[in-house]
Amino acid sequence: MKKKDNKRNRKEAFERGEKINIKVIKDKKLRTDLKRVEKKFQNAMSHAIESEILLTEESGFLEPSNELEKTYKITQKELIPEFDIQTIRNVFDLKLDEFGPYTIDFSRNGKHVLLGGRRGHLAMFDYKSKKLLTELCLNETIRDVKILHNYNFFAVAQKKYVYMYDNHGTELHVMKKHRKPTAIEFLPYHFLLVSIGEGGWIRWQDTSTGKLVSEFGTKLGTGYCIKQNIKNGVISLGHQRGRVTMWSPNMSKPLVNMLCHRGPVNDVAIDNTGNYMITSGLDSKLKIWDIRTYKVVHEYYTPFPANSIDISQRNLLSVGCKGTVQIWKDAINVKQRSPYMQHVVKNQLITKVAFCPYEDILGIGHSEGFSSIVIPGAGEPNFDSFEATPYQTSKQRSEAQINALLDKIQPEMIALETDFVGTIDTEADAVEEAIETGLEPPKKKRKKNKQRGKNTSSKRVKKNQQFIYDEKREKIREEIEKQQRLKEKENLKKIGKQEGALERFFK
């Protein structure tokens, strides 16, 4: 019985809607086409169920043995004896107190990490083998770092401009239009590098062509946090006035303007579904918003203002407050009373937290270097080789880059509602008729804003009804005139058929 139940559950997970009742359809051709479609769906479902055998890895979380035991009290030292050798290597600290505080960024496949010190230190290394790829001392302020479509290229927000380097540390480009950047973000499916600078200017630049797509002034002051929505490519900015705005390169005004906190917004994070947004402010509040309704779902208080927040692939939320990092489980869907795990970095200020993709690892950038800890259940256990693979060869990397450029999404496609195509043009028929007849198309009439109550809702309705009645009257008049013309023609024909008074003498 258990095996049958498991099969049913698997089928329900991979089903594509209800089956079509083919017996009701009378058309033979349509019936055969629908049978063929149903067979394809059944084959796809069976292949998907069979491919589950290949997904051998499963995610596991820390579970308390009884109600009194709390998982957030378990430290990394207590967990190390339970880990395997490869996992133990991922728990380490890098002391770099001369160039801190540090900001960090992981590559999309989770294999490489990029470190950027505020005082000019830049380093990239392989996270698994711990092999150093490049290390630079720029002697200039570094505000943010970002790995681009693969680890061969990365961007650095320095004091004056945004610079682009390769994995050997060679400077490739200087983007002088990105003046005094404070934070940067990269859209991998659009090949767009986005920056927010002093004065509140946001800029989009295409890294494949080098063209500046658009730049707008936010008019809300300098922003220090920027995050993308993976679902639609919309950029979210946190401002010093407690507002969060959402931007698209196609509009000079924000798509959404939300008042989220009573003080400055420290950081913003968006989950993998693109439906929920988490904001942290200087008022020591952590708020979870539903982007579909723009309402607060849950609200948490932090002991200190959260400087950095991040969401893992399995929806674990990490919050960096002063010298402690809290990891929350299922905090988006259900309000939790206590965190899932907690880690203390002694006598140091945390500036950046980031989860490593496809690994149960959390990277912490702080004032004295970089720390790496293990968070069970944080990463996705089974990776998609078409999306990002940590075992990618150089040939596969070049092929993936070509395919990504061919499948590049244009910036015009960035919008809040991805399923929304467009509206119906009601005046298209009138324009087509005008083109066929050779007349000019009808012009749109602008409504005048009248004063002293002359433009009330009731009077607007009356005006619209009057326009409808006028159109009906014109149609009725045209029909009456047509009938009169037909009658006149018939009368003329009858008069023509009748014989004249003198025609009988000529027979």
Protein backbone atom coordinates (compact mmCIF):
# COMPACT_ATOMS: atom_id res chain seq x y z
CA MET A 1 0.00 0.00 0.00
CA LYS A 2 2.85 2.38 0.76
CA LYS A 3 4.43 1.85 -2.68
CA LYS A 4 1.12 2.61 -4.39
CA ASP A 5 0.70 5.80 -2.33
CA ASN A 6 4.23 6.91 -3.23
CA LYS A 7 3.52 6.35 -6.94
CA ARG A 8 0.31 8.37 -6.70
CA ASN A 9 2.10 11.25 -4.95
CA ARG A 10 4.82 11.26 -7.62
CA LYS A 11 2.26 11.29 -10.41
CA GLU A 12 0.40 14.17 -8.78
CA ALA A 13 3.65 16.15 -8.53
CA PHE A 14 4.40 15.81 -12.26
CA GLU A 15 0.86 15.93 -13.70
CA ARG A 16 0.03 18.66 -16.25
CA GLY A 17 -3.59 19.32 -15.42
CA GLU A 18 -6.67 17.11 -15.81
CA LYS A 19 -7.01 14.64 -18.66
CA ILE A 20 -9.16 15.60 -21.64
CA ASN A 21 -12.30 13.50 -22.18
CA ILE A 22 -11.67 12.45 -25.80
CA LYS A 23 -14.88 10.38 -26.12
CA VAL A 24 -17.04 13.52 -26.10
CA ILE A 25 -15.26 15.03 -29.15
CA LYS A 26 -16.95 14.12 -32.46
CA ASP A 27 -14.33 15.43 -34.90
CA LYS A 28 -11.99 12.53 -35.78
CA LYS A 29 -9.01 14.71 -36.69
CA LEU A 30 -9.21 16.70 -33.47
CA ARG A 31 -9.64 13.48 -31.48
CA THR A 32 -6.45 11.94 -32.92
CA ASP A 33 -4.47 15.14 -32.32
CA LEU A 34 -5.58 15.27 -28.67
CA LYS A 35 -4.71 11.57 -28.23
CA ARG A 36 -1.20 12.29 -29.49
CA VAL A 37 -0.84 15.24 -27.09
CA GLU A 38 -2.03 13.13 -24.14
CA LYS A 39 0.53 10.44 -24.99
CA LYS A 40 3.30 13.05 -25.00
CA PHE A 41 2.20 14.28 -21.57
CA GLN A 42 2.12 10.74 -20.19
CA ASN A 43 5.60 10.00 -21.57
CA ALA A 44 6.99 13.23 -20.15
CA MET A 45 5.49 12.44 -16.74
CA SER A 46 6.95 8.91 -16.72
CA HIS A 47 10.40 10.21 -17.75
CA ALA A 48 10.30 12.84 -15.01
CA ILE A 49 9.42 10.20 -12.39
CA GLU A 50 12.23 7.95 -13.62
CA SER A 51 14.76 10.81 -13.57
CA GLU A 52 14.15 11.26 -9.83
CA ILE A 53 16.39 8.25 -9.29
CA LEU A 54 19.35 10.33 -10.54
CA LEU A 55 18.71 13.00 -7.87
CA THR A 56 20.54 11.11 -5.16
CA GLU A 57 21.31 14.09 -2.92
CA GLU A 58 18.79 15.34 -0.38
CA SER A 59 18.85 18.43 1.80
CA GLY A 60 18.96 17.90 5.55
CA PHE A 61 18.39 20.29 8.45
CA LEU A 62 19.33 20.22 12.10
CA GLU A 63 16.50 18.70 14.10
CA PRO A 64 16.23 18.82 17.89
CA SER A 65 15.92 15.49 19.72
CA ASN A 66 13.33 16.92 22.16
CA GLU A 67 11.33 20.09 22.78
CA LEU A 68 13.82 21.55 25.27
CA GLU A 69 16.77 21.38 22.86
CA LYS A 70 17.33 24.45 20.66
CA THR A 71 19.24 24.29 17.37
CA TYR A 72 20.48 27.91 17.59
CA LYS A 73 22.56 26.99 20.66
CA ILE A 74 24.68 24.52 18.65
CA THR A 75 28.02 26.07 17.66
CA GLN A 76 30.35 25.30 14.74
CA LYS A 77 32.83 23.57 17.08
CA GLU A 78 30.14 21.09 18.15
CA LEU A 79 29.19 20.40 14.52
CA ILE A 80 32.73 19.84 13.13
CA PRO A 81 33.14 16.27 14.54
CA GLU A 82 29.93 15.28 12.71
CA PHE A 83 31.07 16.60 9.29
CA ASP A 84 33.02 14.77 6.60
CA ILE A 85 36.52 15.89 5.57
CA GLN A 86 35.36 17.97 2.59
CA THR A 87 32.80 19.88 4.71
CA ILE A 88 35.34 20.52 7.49
CA ARG A 89 37.59 22.28 4.95
CA ASN A 90 34.82 24.83 4.34
CA VAL A 91 34.95 26.07 7.96
CA PHE A 92 37.78 28.61 8.17
CA ASP A 93 38.68 32.24 8.96
CA LEU A 94 40.87 34.65 6.99
CA LYS A 95 42.42 37.39 9.12
CA LEU A 96 42.89 40.47 6.93
CA ASP A 97 42.67 43.25 9.47
CA GLU A 98 44.80 45.73 7.48
CA PHE A 99 42.38 46.27 4.57
CA GLY A 100 38.91 45.68 6.09
CA PRO A 101 35.95 45.82 6.24
CA TYR A 102 35.30 43.31 3.44
CA THR A 103 32.48 42.76 0.97
CA ILE A 104 32.07 39.38 -0.77
CA ASP A 105 30.39 37.76 -3.77
CA PHE A 106 30.07 34.14 -4.96
CA SER A 107 30.00 32.93 -8.56
CA ARG A 108 26.75 31.49 -9.92
CA ASN A 109 27.98 27.89 -9.64
CA GLY A 110 29.37 28.42 -6.13
CA LYS A 111 32.93 27.46 -7.00
CA HIS A 112 34.67 30.85 -6.67
CA VAL A 113 34.48 33.71 -4.21
CA LEU A 114 35.56 37.34 -4.64
CA LEU A 115 36.73 39.47 -1.69
CA GLY A 116 36.98 43.26 -1.73
CA GLY A 117 38.47 45.26 1.15
CA ARG A 118 37.38 48.84 1.70
CA ARG A 119 41.04 50.00 1.69
CA GLY A 120 41.84 48.55 -1.75
CA HIS A 121 42.55 44.83 -1.31
CA LEU A 122 41.03 42.55 -3.99
CA ALA A 123 41.31 38.74 -4.12
CA MET A 124 39.61 35.79 -5.84
CA PHE A 125 40.14 32.12 -5.02
CA ASP A 126 38.65 28.69 -5.71
CA TYR A 127 36.36 27.86 -2.78
CA LYS A 128 36.83 24.09 -3.00
CA SER A 129 40.56 23.77 -3.67
CA LYS A 130 41.43 27.06 -1.82
CA LYS A 131 43.67 28.01 -4.76
CA LEU A 132 44.33 31.74 -5.14
CA LEU A 133 43.49 32.95 -8.68
CA THR A 134 44.26 36.66 -8.42
CA GLU A 135 45.19 39.23 -5.78
CA LEU A 136 45.50 42.99 -6.25
CA CYS A 137 46.15 46.04 -4.12
CA LEU A 138 44.41 48.94 -5.89
CA ASN A 139 45.32 51.73 -3.42
CA GLU A 140 41.78 53.04 -3.84
CA THR A 141 38.51 52.69 -1.98
CA ILE A 142 36.47 49.59 -2.92
CA ARG A 143 32.75 49.88 -2.19
CA ASP A 144 31.34 46.77 -3.86
CA VAL A 145 32.40 43.74 -5.96
CA LYS A 146 30.45 41.52 -8.35
CA ILE A 147 31.31 38.41 -10.39
CA LEU A 148 29.74 38.59 -13.87
CA HIS A 149 28.37 35.71 -16.01
CA ASN A 150 31.36 33.50 -15.02
CA TYR A 151 34.47 33.83 -12.87
CA ASN A 152 36.61 35.03 -15.81
CA PHE A 153 35.22 38.56 -15.43
CA PHE A 154 34.27 40.65 -12.41
CA ALA A 155 33.34 44.27 -11.75
CA VAL A 156 34.56 46.49 -8.91
CA ALA A 157 32.89 49.68 -7.68
CA GLN A 158 35.83 51.89 -6.79
CA LYS A 159 36.03 55.46 -5.54
CA LYS A 160 35.38 57.26 -8.85
CA TYR A 161 34.23 54.71 -11.46
CA VAL A 162 33.30 51.07 -12.05
CA TYR A 163 36.21 48.94 -13.29
CA MET A 164 36.12 45.54 -15.00
CA TYR A 165 38.89 42.94 -14.50
CA ASP A 166 39.57 39.39 -15.66
CA ASN A 167 40.52 36.42 -13.45
CA HIS A 168 44.25 37.23 -13.89
CA GLY A 169 43.81 40.74 -12.46
CA THR A 170 44.13 42.57 -15.80
CA GLU A 171 42.10 45.77 -16.09
CA LEU A 172 39.79 45.47 -19.11
CA HIS A 173 37.42 48.46 -18.99
CA VAL A 174 36.80 51.68 -17.11
CA MET A 175 33.12 52.68 -17.07
CA LYS A 176 33.45 56.42 -16.54
CA LYS A 177 29.73 57.02 -16.92
CA HIS A 178 29.20 55.15 -13.63
CA ARG A 179 30.41 58.00 -11.42
CA LYS A 180 31.10 57.47 -7.71
CA PRO A 181 29.27 54.11 -7.42
CA THR A 182 28.14 52.88 -4.01
CA ALA A 183 26.71 49.46 -5.01
CA ILE A 184 26.51 47.31 -8.16
CA GLU A 185 24.39 44.37 -9.40
CA PHE A 186 24.54 42.08 -12.45
CA LEU A 187 21.61 40.60 -14.40
CA PRO A 188 22.98 37.33 -15.89
CA TYR A 189 20.11 36.70 -18.33
CA HIS A 190 20.18 40.26 -19.69
CA PHE A 191 23.99 40.84 -19.50
CA LEU A 192 23.32 44.14 -17.74
CA LEU A 193 25.54 45.72 -15.10
CA VAL A 194 23.54 48.04 -12.84
CA SER A 195 25.03 50.63 -10.47
CA ILE A 196 23.71 53.17 -8.02
CA GLY A 197 25.94 56.19 -7.39
CA GLU A 198 26.18 59.28 -5.24
CA GLY A 199 23.34 61.67 -5.87
CA GLY A 200 20.94 58.80 -6.51
CA TRP A 201 21.75 58.05 -10.17
CA ILE A 202 20.99 54.50 -11.40
CA ARG A 203 22.61 53.24 -14.61
CA TRP A 204 22.28 50.11 -16.78
CA GLN A 205 25.16 49.05 -19.05
CA ASP A 206 25.20 46.12 -21.48
CA THR A 207 28.40 44.14 -20.82
CA SER A 208 28.14 42.24 -24.13
CA THR A 209 28.09 45.36 -26.35
CA GLY A 210 29.46 48.04 -23.98
CA LYS A 211 26.43 50.27 -24.62
CA LEU A 212 24.90 52.38 -21.84
CA VAL A 213 21.24 51.34 -21.95
CA SER A 214 19.75 54.04 -19.71
CA GLU A 215 20.39 56.25 -16.69
CA PHE A 216 17.90 57.97 -14.39
CA GLY A 217 17.96 60.14 -11.30
CA THR A 218 16.02 58.68 -8.36
CA LYS A 219 15.62 62.10 -6.63
CA LEU A 220 15.79 60.28 -3.28
CA GLY A 221 19.44 60.79 -2.41
CA THR A 222 22.35 58.35 -2.42
CA GLY A 223 21.44 54.66 -2.17
CA TYR A 224 23.70 52.03 -0.62
CA CYS A 225 21.85 48.77 -1.31
CA ILE A 226 20.72 47.30 -4.63
CA LYS A 227 19.14 43.90 -5.38
CA GLN A 228 17.58 42.27 -8.43
CA ASN A 229 14.41 40.24 -8.77
CA ILE A 230 15.45 37.04 -10.57
CA LYS A 231 11.91 36.47 -11.84
CA ASN A 232 11.50 39.69 -13.87
CA GLY A 233 14.85 41.55 -13.74
CA VAL A 234 13.45 44.56 -11.86
CA ILE A 235 15.98 46.38 -9.64
CA SER A 236 15.10 47.26 -6.02
CA LEU A 237 16.88 50.15 -4.30
CA GLY A 238 16.96 51.03 -0.59
CA HIS A 239 17.13 54.74 0.25
CA GLN A 240 18.06 56.83 3.26
CA ARG A 241 14.50 58.12 3.67
CA GLY A 242 13.10 54.69 4.50
CA ARG A 243 11.82 54.04 0.99
CA VAL A 244 12.33 51.11 -1.38
CA THR A 245 11.88 51.80 -5.09
CA MET A 246 11.71 49.35 -8.00
CA TRP A 247 13.21 50.35 -11.34
CA SER A 248 13.21 49.26 -14.96
CA PRO A 249 15.49 50.65 -17.73
CA ASN A 250 12.36 51.41 -19.76
CA MET A 251 10.87 54.04 -17.41
CA SER A 252 12.35 57.23 -15.99
CA LYS A 253 10.13 56.98 -12.90
CA PRO A 254 10.07 54.14 -10.34
CA LEU A 255 7.62 51.32 -11.02
CA VAL A 256 6.91 51.03 -7.29
CA ASN A 257 7.67 53.44 -4.44
CA MET A 258 7.19 51.93 -0.97
CA LEU A 259 7.67 53.47 2.48
CA CYS A 260 9.13 50.50 4.37
CA HIS A 261 10.94 51.93 7.43
CA ARG A 262 10.96 55.03 9.58
CA GLY A 263 14.73 55.37 9.12
CA PRO A 264 17.29 54.56 6.42
CA VAL A 265 17.05 51.17 4.66
CA ASN A 266 20.22 49.13 5.28
CA ASP A 267 19.65 46.20 2.92
CA VAL A 268 17.10 44.50 0.68
CA ALA A 269 16.72 40.82 -0.32
CA ILE A 270 14.27 39.05 -2.67
CA ASP A 271 13.50 35.34 -2.59
CA ASN A 272 13.95 32.95 -5.54
CA THR A 273 10.25 33.00 -6.47
CA GLY A 274 10.28 36.79 -6.82
CA ASN A 275 7.12 37.16 -4.72
CA TYR A 276 8.57 38.18 -1.34
CA MET A 277 10.94 40.98 -0.35
CA ILE A 278 12.82 41.34 2.95
CA THR A 279 14.01 44.75 4.13
CA SER A 280 16.15 45.77 7.11
CA GLY A 281 16.31 49.30 8.48
CA LEU A 282 18.10 51.45 10.99
CA ASP A 283 14.99 51.21 13.22
CA SER A 284 16.07 47.61 14.16
CA LYS A 285 13.18 46.08 12.24
CA LEU A 286 13.16 43.25 9.72
CA LYS A 287 10.07 43.26 7.49
CA ILE A 288 8.85 40.65 5.02
CA TRP A 289 6.73 42.08 2.19
CA ASP A 290 4.48 40.41 -0.37
CA ILE A 291 5.39 42.13 -3.65
CA ARG A 292 2.10 41.04 -5.25
CA THR A 293 0.01 43.01 -2.72
CA TYR A 294 2.71 45.40 -1.34
CA LYS A 295 1.75 44.53 2.24
CA VAL A 296 3.74 43.38 5.28
CA VAL A 297 3.47 39.63 5.89
CA HIS A 298 5.67 39.35 9.01
CA GLU A 299 7.75 41.71 11.10
CA TYR A 300 10.74 40.90 13.32
CA TYR A 301 12.82 42.92 15.78
CA THR A 302 16.60 42.56 15.72
CA PRO A 303 18.89 43.28 18.72
CA PHE A 304 20.86 45.74 16.54
CA PRO A 305 20.16 47.22 13.08
CA ALA A 306 20.82 44.53 10.45
CA ASN A 307 23.65 45.60 8.12
CA SER A 308 23.24 42.77 5.60
CA ILE A 309 20.65 40.10 4.75
CA ASP A 310 20.57 37.25 2.23
CA ILE A 311 18.30 34.35 1.21
CA SER A 312 19.59 30.87 0.33
CA GLN A 313 18.34 28.55 -2.41
CA ARG A 314 16.28 26.67 0.21
CA ASN A 315 14.75 29.90 1.61
CA LEU A 316 16.93 30.22 4.70
CA LEU A 317 17.27 33.86 5.77
CA SER A 318 20.60 35.13 7.14
CA VAL A 319 20.72 38.39 9.09
CA GLY A 320 23.99 40.09 10.04
CA CYS A 321 23.60 42.35 13.11
CA LYS A 322 26.75 44.01 14.49
CA GLY A 323 28.83 40.92 15.51
CA THR A 324 26.24 38.13 15.26
CA VAL A 325 24.67 36.26 12.35
CA GLN A 326 21.20 34.79 12.73
CA ILE A 327 19.82 32.20 10.31
CA TRP A 328 16.04 31.83 10.18
CA LYS A 329 14.18 28.83 8.77
CA ASP A 330 10.71 29.23 7.15
CA ALA A 331 10.67 32.87 8.30
CA ILE A 332 8.93 34.00 5.10
CA ASN A 333 5.87 31.73 5.23
CA VAL A 334 5.38 31.38 9.01
CA LYS A 335 6.42 33.79 11.74
CA GLN A 336 9.12 32.12 13.86
CA ARG A 337 9.84 32.67 17.54
CA SER A 338 13.53 31.77 17.50
CA PRO A 339 16.27 31.50 14.83
CA TYR A 340 17.38 28.23 13.26
CA MET A 341 21.12 28.84 13.88
CA GLN A 342 23.33 31.56 15.28
CA HIS A 343 27.01 32.41 14.93
CA VAL A 344 29.01 35.03 16.82
CA VAL A 345 32.03 36.82 15.33
CA LYS A 346 33.88 38.21 18.32
CA ASN A 347 34.86 41.90 18.42
CA GLN A 348 34.11 42.42 14.73
CA LEU A 349 31.50 44.32 12.71
CA ILE A 350 29.71 42.28 10.05
CA THR A 351 29.36 44.14 6.75
CA LYS A 352 28.22 41.41 4.31
CA VAL A 353 26.60 37.94 4.47
CA ALA A 354 26.08 35.71 1.41
CA PHE A 355 25.10 32.07 0.88
CA CYS A 356 27.19 29.93 -1.43
CA PRO A 357 25.06 28.39 -4.25
CA TYR A 358 24.72 24.58 -4.23
CA GLU A 359 26.60 24.36 -0.91
CA ASP A 360 25.59 24.47 2.77
CA ILE A 361 27.95 27.38 3.33
CA LEU A 362 27.52 30.96 4.53
CA GLY A 363 30.23 33.53 3.80
CA ILE A 364 30.67 36.42 6.22
CA GLY A 365 32.60 39.59 5.40
CA HIS A 366 33.57 41.63 8.46
CA SER A 367 35.94 44.32 9.64
CA GLU A 368 38.90 41.92 10.10
CA GLY A 369 38.57 39.66 7.06
CA PHE A 370 36.39 36.78 5.94
CA SER A 371 34.75 33.82 7.72
CA SER A 372 33.08 30.70 6.35
CA ILE A 373 30.61 28.58 8.33
CA VAL A 374 28.44 25.56 7.54
CA ILE A 375 24.63 25.87 7.61
CA PRO A 376 22.97 22.44 7.07
CA GLY A 377 20.16 22.58 4.49
CA ALA A 378 21.05 25.98 3.00
CA GLY A 379 22.06 24.99 -0.55
CA GLU A 380 20.28 23.17 -3.34
CA PRO A 381 21.59 19.56 -3.30
CA ASN A 382 20.95 18.81 -7.00
CA PHE A 383 22.27 21.32 -9.54
CA ASP A 384 21.00 21.89 -13.08
CA SER A 385 23.90 21.46 -15.52
CA PHE A 386 22.16 23.72 -18.08
CA GLU A 387 21.93 26.54 -15.52
CA ALA A 388 25.17 26.37 -13.52
CA THR A 389 27.49 23.47 -12.71
CA PRO A 390 30.48 23.52 -10.35
CA TYR A 391 32.21 20.82 -12.47
CA GLN A 392 32.28 22.91 -15.64
CA THR A 393 35.24 22.50 -17.99
CA SER A 394 36.76 25.30 -20.08
CA LYS A 395 35.06 23.98 -23.25
CA GLN A 396 31.68 23.78 -21.52
CA ARG A 397 32.21 27.28 -20.14
CA SER A 398 32.83 28.77 -23.59
CA GLU A 399 29.81 26.94 -25.05
CA ALA A 400 27.61 28.10 -22.17
CA GLN A 401 28.75 31.69 -22.72
CA ILE A 402 27.85 31.53 -26.44
CA ASN A 403 24.45 30.01 -25.68
CA ALA A 404 23.79 32.66 -23.03
CA LEU A 405 24.60 35.43 -25.52
CA LEU A 406 22.29 33.88 -28.12
CA ASP A 407 19.48 33.58 -25.54
CA LYS A 408 20.07 37.05 -24.10
CA ILE A 409 16.89 38.81 -23.02
CA GLN A 410 16.53 42.37 -24.25
CA PRO A 411 16.19 45.17 -21.65
CA GLU A 412 12.82 46.15 -23.15
CA MET A 413 11.39 42.92 -21.68
CA ILE A 414 12.03 44.00 -18.06
CA ALA A 415 8.64 44.67 -16.44
CA LEU A 416 6.85 44.02 -13.16
CA GLU A 417 4.27 41.64 -14.63
CA THR A 418 6.06 39.06 -16.76
CA ASP A 419 2.80 37.35 -17.84
CA PHE A 420 1.24 40.59 -19.07
CA VAL A 421 1.58 41.01 -22.86
CA GLY A 422 -0.33 44.19 -23.71
CA THR A 423 -3.73 45.83 -24.15
CA ILE A 424 -6.22 45.78 -27.02
CA ASP A 425 -6.17 48.78 -29.34
CA THR A 426 -9.83 49.71 -29.67
CA GLU A 427 -9.15 52.34 -32.36
CA ALA A 428 -7.32 49.96 -34.72
CA ASP A 429 -10.46 49.24 -36.78
CA ALA A 430 -11.18 52.93 -37.32
CA VAL A 431 -7.59 53.55 -38.43
CA GLU A 432 -7.72 50.62 -40.90
CA GLU A 433 -11.00 51.90 -42.39
CA ALA A 434 -9.49 55.36 -42.79
CA ILE A 435 -6.47 53.93 -44.61
CA GLU A 436 -8.67 51.90 -46.98
CA THR A 437 -10.93 54.83 -47.82
CA GLY A 438 -8.04 57.28 -48.07
CA LEU A 439 -9.33 59.56 -45.28
CA GLU A 440 -7.41 60.81 -42.27
CA PRO A 441 -7.63 58.63 -39.12
CA PRO A 442 -9.73 60.02 -36.25
CA LYS A 443 -7.85 62.10 -33.70
CA LYS A 444 -8.05 61.44 -29.97
CA LYS A 445 -9.95 64.09 -28.03
CA ARG A 446 -8.32 65.29 -24.83
CA LYS A 447 -10.56 65.88 -21.85
CA LYS A 448 -10.31 69.39 -20.43
CA ASN A 449 -9.95 69.80 -16.66
CA LYS A 450 -12.74 72.22 -15.81
CA GLN A 451 -13.15 73.97 -12.46
CA ARG A 452 -16.01 74.71 -10.04
CA GLY A 453 -17.53 71.23 -10.11
CA LYS A 454 -18.03 71.13 -13.89
CA ASN A 455 -15.97 67.97 -14.21
CA THR A 456 -17.70 65.81 -11.59
CA SER A 457 -18.20 62.07 -12.05
CA SER A 458 -21.95 62.36 -12.62
CA LYS A 459 -21.51 65.00 -15.36
CA ARG A 460 -18.79 62.91 -17.00
CA VAL A 461 -21.21 59.95 -17.16
CA LYS A 462 -23.93 62.18 -18.63
CA LYS A 463 -21.49 63.45 -21.28
CA ASN A 464 -20.49 59.93 -22.25
CA GLN A 465 -24.17 58.91 -22.47
CA GLN A 466 -24.89 61.97 -24.61
CA PHE A 467 -22.07 61.00 -26.99
CA ILE A 468 -23.56 57.48 -27.25
CA TYR A 469 -27.05 58.91 -27.98
CA ASP A 470 -25.60 61.26 -30.63
CA GLU A 471 -23.91 58.35 -32.40
CA LYS A 472 -27.16 56.37 -32.37
CA ARG A 473 -29.08 59.35 -33.78
CA GLU A 474 -26.58 59.75 -36.60
CA LYS A 475 -26.87 56.06 -37.49
CA ILE A 476 -30.68 56.26 -37.50
CA ARG A 477 -30.57 59.37 -39.69
CA GLU A 478 -28.26 57.66 -42.16
CA GLU A 479 -30.59 54.65 -42.37
CA ILE A 480 -33.64 56.90 -42.95
CA GLU A 481 -31.81 58.80 -45.71
CA LYS A 482 -30.84 55.51 -47.41
CA GLN A 483 -34.46 54.34 -47.35
CA GLN A 484 -35.67 57.65 -48.83
CA ARG A 485 -33.08 57.40 -51.64
CA LEU A 486 -34.18 53.84 -52.47
CA LYS A 487 -37.84 54.94 -52.60
CA GLU A 488 -36.99 57.84 -54.94
CA LYS A 489 -35.09 55.47 -57.28
CA GLU A 490 -38.05 53.06 -57.38
CA ASN A 491 -40.46 55.91 -58.15
CA LEU A 492 -38.24 57.11 -61.01
CA LYS A 493 -38.16 53.61 -62.51
CA LYS A 494 -41.97 53.39 -62.36
CA ILE A 495 -42.35 56.78 -64.05
CA GLY A 496 -39.95 55.69 -66.81
CA LYS A 497 -41.98 52.54 -67.52
CA GLN A 498 -45.31 54.45 -67.89
CA GLU A 499 -46.29 55.57 -71.45
CA GLY A 500 -46.53 59.21 -72.28
CA ALA A 501 -49.85 60.90 -73.40
CA LEU A 502 -48.90 61.20 -77.21
CA GLU A 503 -47.04 57.84 -77.48
CA ARG A 504 -50.27 55.94 -78.34
CA PHE A 505 -50.62 57.83 -81.70
CA PHE A 506 -47.20 56.56 -82.89
CA LYS A 507 -48.09 52.83 -82.70
